[in-house]
């Protein structure tokens, strides 16, 4: 199947930056898109950003202009550069991958991002 491993989470002060990375392995042919969800305690899970295999990126409105998603196809990696972080960005961030023909997404274990005020 597909394995996703996230890294790069941590604690940062408001206004700071973090870069999340996600490495995909396994049966990862025919990737349709990769992206990032996040879930804060007691809140719903939100799709933060995704990037398609053609390079089109989409973002949650509240992170536009602050976060940038990018992919490195040859290495099966996806990144999320997060700048101007706010306390409300505090959440567990999950990497996801969707393949053509699948009706489900694959998920990583998540990485915690904590932004202090």
C-alpha atoms as a PDB file:
ATOM      1  CA  UNK A   1       0.000   0.000   0.000  1.00  0.00           C
ATOM      2  CA  UNK A   2       1.033   3.575   0.637  1.00  0.00           C
ATOM      3  CA  UNK A   3       3.025   4.933   3.548  1.00  0.00           C
ATOM      4  CA  UNK A   4       3.283   8.607   4.415  1.00  0.00           C
ATOM      5  CA  UNK A   5       5.709   9.992   6.965  1.00  0.00           C
ATOM      6  CA  UNK A   6       5.539  13.608   8.086  1.00  0.00           C
ATOM      7  CA  UNK A   7       8.294  15.628   9.705  1.00  0.00           C
ATOM      8  CA  UNK A   8       9.063  19.215  10.600  1.00  0.00           C
ATOM      9  CA  UNK A   9       6.489  19.949  13.250  1.00  0.00           C
ATOM     10  CA  UNK A  10       7.401  21.673  16.469  1.00  0.00           C
ATOM     11  CA  UNK A  11       6.864  24.710  18.611  1.00  0.00           C
ATOM     12  CA  UNK A  12       7.304  28.243  17.351  1.00  0.00           C
ATOM     13  CA  UNK A  13       6.346  31.726  18.440  1.00  0.00           C
ATOM     14  CA  UNK A  14       3.686  33.685  16.620  1.00  0.00           C
ATOM     15  CA  UNK A  15       5.100  35.234  13.488  1.00  0.00           C
ATOM     16  CA  UNK A  16       7.590  32.443  13.039  1.00  0.00           C
ATOM     17  CA  UNK A  17       7.945  29.836  10.329  1.00  0.00           C
ATOM     18  CA  UNK A  18       8.012  26.073  10.004  1.00  0.00           C
ATOM     19  CA  UNK A  19       8.404  23.758   7.054  1.00  0.00           C
ATOM     20  CA  UNK A  20       6.591  20.440   7.057  1.00  0.00           C
ATOM     21  CA  UNK A  21       7.751  17.573   4.885  1.00  0.00           C
ATOM     22  CA  UNK A  22       5.975  14.402   3.852  1.00  0.00           C
ATOM     23  CA  UNK A  23       7.674  11.398   2.299  1.00  0.00           C
ATOM     24  CA  UNK A  24       5.546   8.923   0.357  1.00  0.00           C
ATOM     25  CA  UNK A  25       6.552   5.314  -0.267  1.00  0.00           C
ATOM     26  CA  UNK A  26       4.977   2.068  -1.380  1.00  0.00           C
ATOM     27  CA  UNK A  27       2.530   1.758  -4.291  1.00  0.00           C
ATOM     28  CA  UNK A  28       2.561   5.423  -5.196  1.00  0.00           C
ATOM     29  CA  UNK A  29       2.116   5.327  -8.929  1.00  0.00           C
ATOM     30  CA  UNK A  30      -0.617   7.460 -10.477  1.00  0.00           C
ATOM     31  CA  UNK A  31      -0.691  10.131  -7.781  1.00  0.00           C
ATOM     32  CA  UNK A  32      -3.588  12.499  -8.334  1.00  0.00           C
ATOM     33  CA  UNK A  33      -2.794  14.876  -5.521  1.00  0.00           C
ATOM     34  CA  UNK A  34      -1.017  15.283  -2.208  1.00  0.00           C
ATOM     35  CA  UNK A  35      -1.878  17.672   0.537  1.00  0.00           C
ATOM     36  CA  UNK A  36      -2.202  18.597   4.162  1.00  0.00           C
ATOM     37  CA  UNK A  37      -5.074  18.512   6.620  1.00  0.00           C
ATOM     38  CA  UNK A  38      -4.980  19.836  10.142  1.00  0.00           C
ATOM     39  CA  UNK A  39      -7.016  19.245  13.244  1.00  0.00           C
ATOM     40  CA  UNK A  40      -6.940  21.316  16.407  1.00  0.00           C
ATOM     41  CA  UNK A  41      -8.260  19.900  19.691  1.00  0.00           C
ATOM     42  CA  UNK A  42     -12.036  19.953  19.748  1.00  0.00           C
ATOM     43  CA  UNK A  43     -12.298  21.258  16.208  1.00  0.00           C
ATOM     44  CA  UNK A  44     -13.129  19.772  12.840  1.00  0.00           C
ATOM     45  CA  UNK A  45     -10.449  18.588  10.484  1.00  0.00           C
ATOM     46  CA  UNK A  46      -9.692  21.134   7.755  1.00  0.00           C
ATOM     47  CA  UNK A  47      -8.020  20.703   4.395  1.00  0.00           C
ATOM     48  CA  UNK A  48      -5.177  23.216   4.565  1.00  0.00           C
ATOM     49  CA  UNK A  49      -3.699  22.848   1.095  1.00  0.00           C
ATOM     50  CA  UNK A  50      -3.303  20.370  -1.711  1.00  0.00           C
ATOM     51  CA  UNK A  51      -1.337  20.186  -4.914  1.00  0.00           C
ATOM     52  CA  UNK A  52      -2.289  18.156  -7.969  1.00  0.00           C
ATOM     53  CA  UNK A  53       0.063  16.128 -10.128  1.00  0.00           C
ATOM     54  CA  UNK A  54      -0.098  18.951 -12.660  1.00  0.00           C
ATOM     55  CA  UNK A  55       1.126  21.422 -10.063  1.00  0.00           C
ATOM     56  CA  UNK A  56      -2.114  23.233  -9.293  1.00  0.00           C
ATOM     57  CA  UNK A  57      -2.312  24.295  -5.668  1.00  0.00           C
ATOM     58  CA  UNK A  58      -5.305  25.186  -3.541  1.00  0.00           C
ATOM     59  CA  UNK A  59      -5.431  26.629  -0.046  1.00  0.00           C
ATOM     60  CA  UNK A  60      -7.706  27.091   2.915  1.00  0.00           C
ATOM     61  CA  UNK A  61      -8.741  30.727   2.882  1.00  0.00           C
ATOM     62  CA  UNK A  62      -7.229  31.469   6.272  1.00  0.00           C
ATOM     63  CA  UNK A  63      -3.730  30.380   5.195  1.00  0.00           C
ATOM     64  CA  UNK A  64      -3.586  32.021   1.792  1.00  0.00           C
ATOM     65  CA  UNK A  65      -0.579  34.270   1.485  1.00  0.00           C
ATOM     66  CA  UNK A  66       1.113  32.634   4.482  1.00  0.00           C
ATOM     67  CA  UNK A  67       1.443  28.962   3.531  1.00  0.00           C
ATOM     68  CA  UNK A  68       2.931  27.495   0.386  1.00  0.00           C
ATOM     69  CA  UNK A  69       2.589  23.886  -0.712  1.00  0.00           C
ATOM     70  CA  UNK A  70       5.106  22.367  -3.093  1.00  0.00           C
ATOM     71  CA  UNK A  71       5.962  18.941  -4.393  1.00  0.00           C
ATOM     72  CA  UNK A  72       9.098  17.183  -5.468  1.00  0.00           C
ATOM     73  CA  UNK A  73       7.801  14.490  -7.792  1.00  0.00           C
ATOM     74  CA  UNK A  74      11.091  12.685  -8.320  1.00  0.00           C
ATOM     75  CA  UNK A  75      11.463  12.167  -4.567  1.00  0.00           C
ATOM     76  CA  UNK A  76       7.746  11.593  -3.846  1.00  0.00           C
ATOM     77  CA  UNK A  77       7.798  14.428  -1.373  1.00  0.00           C
ATOM     78  CA  UNK A  78       5.394  17.217  -0.541  1.00  0.00           C
ATOM     79  CA  UNK A  79       6.172  20.234   1.595  1.00  0.00           C
ATOM     80  CA  UNK A  80       4.229  22.895   3.416  1.00  0.00           C
ATOM     81  CA  UNK A  81       6.076  26.117   4.095  1.00  0.00           C
ATOM     82  CA  UNK A  82       4.271  27.973   6.847  1.00  0.00           C
ATOM     83  CA  UNK A  83       5.127  31.617   7.462  1.00  0.00           C
ATOM     84  CA  UNK A  84       3.636  34.273   9.725  1.00  0.00           C
ATOM     85  CA  UNK A  85       2.267  31.552  11.957  1.00  0.00           C
ATOM     86  CA  UNK A  86      -0.572  32.372  14.314  1.00  0.00           C
ATOM     87  CA  UNK A  87      -1.717  30.646  17.510  1.00  0.00           C
ATOM     88  CA  UNK A  88      -4.816  29.508  15.631  1.00  0.00           C
ATOM     89  CA  UNK A  89      -2.579  27.487  13.315  1.00  0.00           C
ATOM     90  CA  UNK A  90      -1.835  25.185  16.247  1.00  0.00           C
ATOM     91  CA  UNK A  91      -2.950  21.690  15.257  1.00  0.00           C
ATOM     92  CA  UNK A  92      -1.843  18.244  14.253  1.00  0.00           C
ATOM     93  CA  UNK A  93      -0.998  18.376  10.565  1.00  0.00           C
ATOM     94  CA  UNK A  94      -1.612  15.279   8.450  1.00  0.00           C
ATOM     95  CA  UNK A  95      -0.201  14.509   5.042  1.00  0.00           C
ATOM     96  CA  UNK A  96      -2.590  12.914   2.566  1.00  0.00           C
ATOM     97  CA  UNK A  97      -2.204  11.283  -0.822  1.00  0.00           C
ATOM     98  CA  UNK A  98      -4.821  10.374  -3.391  1.00  0.00           C
ATOM     99  CA  UNK A  99      -4.271   8.179  -6.388  1.00  0.00           C
ATOM    100  CA  UNK A 100      -6.194   8.055  -9.626  1.00  0.00           C
ATOM    101  CA  UNK A 101      -8.860   5.378  -9.362  1.00  0.00           C
ATOM    102  CA  UNK A 102      -8.904   5.293  -5.560  1.00  0.00           C
ATOM    103  CA  UNK A 103     -11.991   6.356  -3.626  1.00  0.00           C
ATOM    104  CA  UNK A 104      -9.992   6.971  -0.501  1.00  0.00           C
ATOM    105  CA  UNK A 105      -7.083   9.069   0.698  1.00  0.00           C
ATOM    106  CA  UNK A 106      -3.990   7.719   2.408  1.00  0.00           C
ATOM    107  CA  UNK A 107      -2.986   9.442   5.621  1.00  0.00           C
ATOM    108  CA  UNK A 108       0.167   9.923   7.597  1.00  0.00           C
ATOM    109  CA  UNK A 109       0.355   9.736  11.375  1.00  0.00           C
ATOM    110  CA  UNK A 110       0.476  13.496  11.771  1.00  0.00           C
ATOM    111  CA  UNK A 111       2.924  16.015  13.137  1.00  0.00           C
ATOM    112  CA  UNK A 112       2.129  18.538  15.848  1.00  0.00           C
ATOM    113  CA  UNK A 113       2.546  22.254  15.238  1.00  0.00           C
ATOM    114  CA  UNK A 114       2.259  24.518  18.249  1.00  0.00           C
ATOM    115  CA  UNK A 115       2.292  28.290  17.864  1.00  0.00           C
ATOM    116  CA  UNK A 116       2.637  30.299  21.059  1.00  0.00           C
ATOM    117  CA  UNK A 117       1.465  33.868  21.437  1.00  0.00           C
END
